[in-house]
Amino acid sequence: KKVRHAPDLFLLAEAEGRIIGSVIGGYDGRRGMVYHLAVAAEYRGQGLGNQLMDEIEARLKAKGCRKAVELGP
């Protein structure tokens, strides 16, 4: 459902045909949200999470987002 609504805010990182990271963002026209960020254990500590976060933030800003909140546990 999320991919159909805002596919540009659903990002995957792949290596050797396998998904190794993902981030899901949302924008309601006023506020941006990061719902989920995950990196496979063997790829952590290499900056992939930072790259995914930087890209989702850039995409939110491109949509006009000036305020973002991170939703987490």
C-alpha atoms as a PDB file:
ATOM      1  CA  LYS A   1       0.000   0.000   0.000  1.00  0.00           C
ATOM      2  CA  LYS A   2       2.794   2.428   0.927  1.00  0.00           C
ATOM      3  CA  VAL A   3       4.709   1.746  -2.290  1.00  0.00           C
ATOM      4  CA  ARG A   4       1.640   2.620  -4.393  1.00  0.00           C
ATOM      5  CA  HIS A   5       0.983   5.855  -2.496  1.00  0.00           C
ATOM      6  CA  ALA A   6       4.534   7.291  -2.367  1.00  0.00           C
ATOM      7  CA  PRO A   7       7.020   4.980  -4.070  1.00  0.00           C
ATOM      8  CA  ASP A   8       9.738   7.641  -3.899  1.00  0.00           C
ATOM      9  CA  LEU A   9       9.702   7.405  -0.078  1.00  0.00           C
ATOM     10  CA  PHE A  10      10.223   3.632   0.055  1.00  0.00           C
ATOM     11  CA  LEU A  11      13.920   2.890  -0.472  1.00  0.00           C
ATOM     12  CA  LEU A  12      15.776  -0.407  -0.640  1.00  0.00           C
ATOM     13  CA  ALA A  13      19.498  -1.143  -0.686  1.00  0.00           C
ATOM     14  CA  GLU A  14      20.609  -4.308  -2.469  1.00  0.00           C
ATOM     15  CA  ALA A  15      23.802  -6.323  -2.675  1.00  0.00           C
ATOM     16  CA  GLU A  16      24.234  -9.464  -4.753  1.00  0.00           C
ATOM     17  CA  GLY A  17      20.496  -9.641  -5.466  1.00  0.00           C
ATOM     18  CA  ARG A  18      19.577  -9.473  -1.777  1.00  0.00           C
ATOM     19  CA  ILE A  19      17.848  -6.661   0.137  1.00  0.00           C
ATOM     20  CA  ILE A  20      20.307  -5.427   2.765  1.00  0.00           C
ATOM     21  CA  GLY A  21      18.659  -2.207   3.913  1.00  0.00           C
ATOM     22  CA  SER A  22      15.445  -0.250   3.764  1.00  0.00           C
ATOM     23  CA  VAL A  23      13.860   2.987   4.866  1.00  0.00           C
ATOM     24  CA  ILE A  24      10.209   4.021   4.699  1.00  0.00           C
ATOM     25  CA  GLY A  25       9.208   7.666   4.910  1.00  0.00           C
ATOM     26  CA  GLY A  26       5.973   9.567   4.724  1.00  0.00           C
ATOM     27  CA  TYR A  27       4.830  13.128   4.138  1.00  0.00           C
ATOM     28  CA  ASP A  28       1.373  14.450   4.931  1.00  0.00           C
ATOM     29  CA  GLY A  29       1.885  17.844   3.305  1.00  0.00           C
ATOM     30  CA  ARG A  30       3.056  19.423   6.535  1.00  0.00           C
ATOM     31  CA  ARG A  31       5.287  16.990   8.365  1.00  0.00           C
ATOM     32  CA  GLY A  32       7.686  14.274   7.265  1.00  0.00           C
ATOM     33  CA  MET A  33       8.009  10.959   9.061  1.00  0.00           C
ATOM     34  CA  VAL A  34      10.519   8.132   9.049  1.00  0.00           C
ATOM     35  CA  TYR A  35       8.617   4.978   9.900  1.00  0.00           C
ATOM     36  CA  HIS A  36      11.315   2.391   9.472  1.00  0.00           C
ATOM     37  CA  LEU A  37      15.065   2.115   8.906  1.00  0.00           C
ATOM     38  CA  ALA A  38      16.858  -1.231   8.893  1.00  0.00           C
ATOM     39  CA  VAL A  39      20.213  -2.594   7.745  1.00  0.00           C
ATOM     40  CA  ALA A  40      21.162  -6.281   7.656  1.00  0.00           C
ATOM     41  CA  ALA A  41      23.492  -7.151  10.537  1.00  0.00           C
ATOM     42  CA  GLU A  42      26.487  -7.987   8.351  1.00  0.00           C
ATOM     43  CA  TYR A  43      26.290  -4.571   6.620  1.00  0.00           C
ATOM     44  CA  ARG A  44      26.015  -2.430   9.755  1.00  0.00           C
ATOM     45  CA  GLY A  45      28.812  -0.049  10.652  1.00  0.00           C
ATOM     46  CA  GLN A  46      29.582   0.758   7.006  1.00  0.00           C
ATOM     47  CA  GLY A  47      27.473   3.906   6.692  1.00  0.00           C
ATOM     48  CA  LEU A  48      24.561   2.343   4.806  1.00  0.00           C
ATOM     49  CA  GLY A  49      22.012   3.478   7.395  1.00  0.00           C
ATOM     50  CA  ASN A  50      23.348   7.029   7.151  1.00  0.00           C
ATOM     51  CA  GLN A  51      23.136   6.925   3.356  1.00  0.00           C
ATOM     52  CA  LEU A  52      19.528   5.712   3.464  1.00  0.00           C
ATOM     53  CA  MET A  53      18.620   8.384   6.030  1.00  0.00           C
ATOM     54  CA  ASP A  54      20.337  11.144   4.034  1.00  0.00           C
ATOM     55  CA  GLU A  55      18.460  10.117   0.892  1.00  0.00           C
ATOM     56  CA  ILE A  56      15.032   9.935   2.554  1.00  0.00           C
ATOM     57  CA  GLU A  57      15.636  13.358   4.140  1.00  0.00           C
ATOM     58  CA  ALA A  58      16.611  14.811   0.746  1.00  0.00           C
ATOM     59  CA  ARG A  59      13.473  13.372  -0.842  1.00  0.00           C
ATOM     60  CA  LEU A  60      11.265  14.752   1.931  1.00  0.00           C
ATOM     61  CA  LYS A  61      12.826  18.206   1.529  1.00  0.00           C
ATOM     62  CA  ALA A  62      12.272  18.011  -2.242  1.00  0.00           C
ATOM     63  CA  LYS A  63       8.556  17.507  -1.531  1.00  0.00           C
ATOM     64  CA  GLY A  64       8.532  20.718   0.529  1.00  0.00           C
ATOM     65  CA  CYS A  65       8.938  19.136   3.960  1.00  0.00           C
ATOM     66  CA  ARG A  66      10.506  21.521   6.482  1.00  0.00           C
ATOM     67  CA  LYS A  67       9.705  19.568   9.666  1.00  0.00           C
ATOM     68  CA  ALA A  68      10.374  15.886  10.236  1.00  0.00           C
ATOM     69  CA  VAL A  69       9.733  13.489  13.088  1.00  0.00           C
ATOM     70  CA  GLU A  70      11.178  10.045  13.562  1.00  0.00           C
ATOM     71  CA  LEU A  71       8.718   7.408  14.689  1.00  0.00           C
ATOM     72  CA  GLY A  72      10.320   4.626  16.623  1.00  0.00           C
ATOM     73  CA  PRO A  73       9.861   2.061  19.363  1.00  0.00           C
END
